[in-house]
Protein backbone atom coordinates (compact mmCIF):
# COMPACT_ATOMS: atom_id res chain seq x y z
CA MET A 1 0.00 0.00 0.00
CA GLU A 2 1.51 3.34 -1.08
CA ILE A 3 0.74 6.37 1.09
CA PRO A 4 0.67 9.78 -0.64
CA PRO A 5 3.10 12.40 0.77
CA SER A 6 0.23 14.79 1.42
CA SER A 7 -1.40 12.27 3.81
CA SER A 8 1.89 11.73 5.65
CA LEU A 9 2.50 15.48 5.92
CA GLN A 10 -1.01 16.05 7.29
CA LEU A 11 -0.51 13.38 9.97
CA GLY A 12 2.88 14.85 10.92
CA ASN A 13 1.45 18.37 11.07
CA GLU A 14 -1.39 17.25 13.34
CA LYS A 15 1.06 15.53 15.70
CA VAL A 16 3.30 18.63 15.76
CA CYS A 17 0.30 20.90 16.38
CA LYS A 18 -0.77 18.74 19.33
CA LEU A 19 2.70 18.96 20.84
């Protein structure tokens, strides 16, 4: 399963925002 970069970036941004 290939994950698009946009999806990965969104997940990373959400984690950073929570921190």
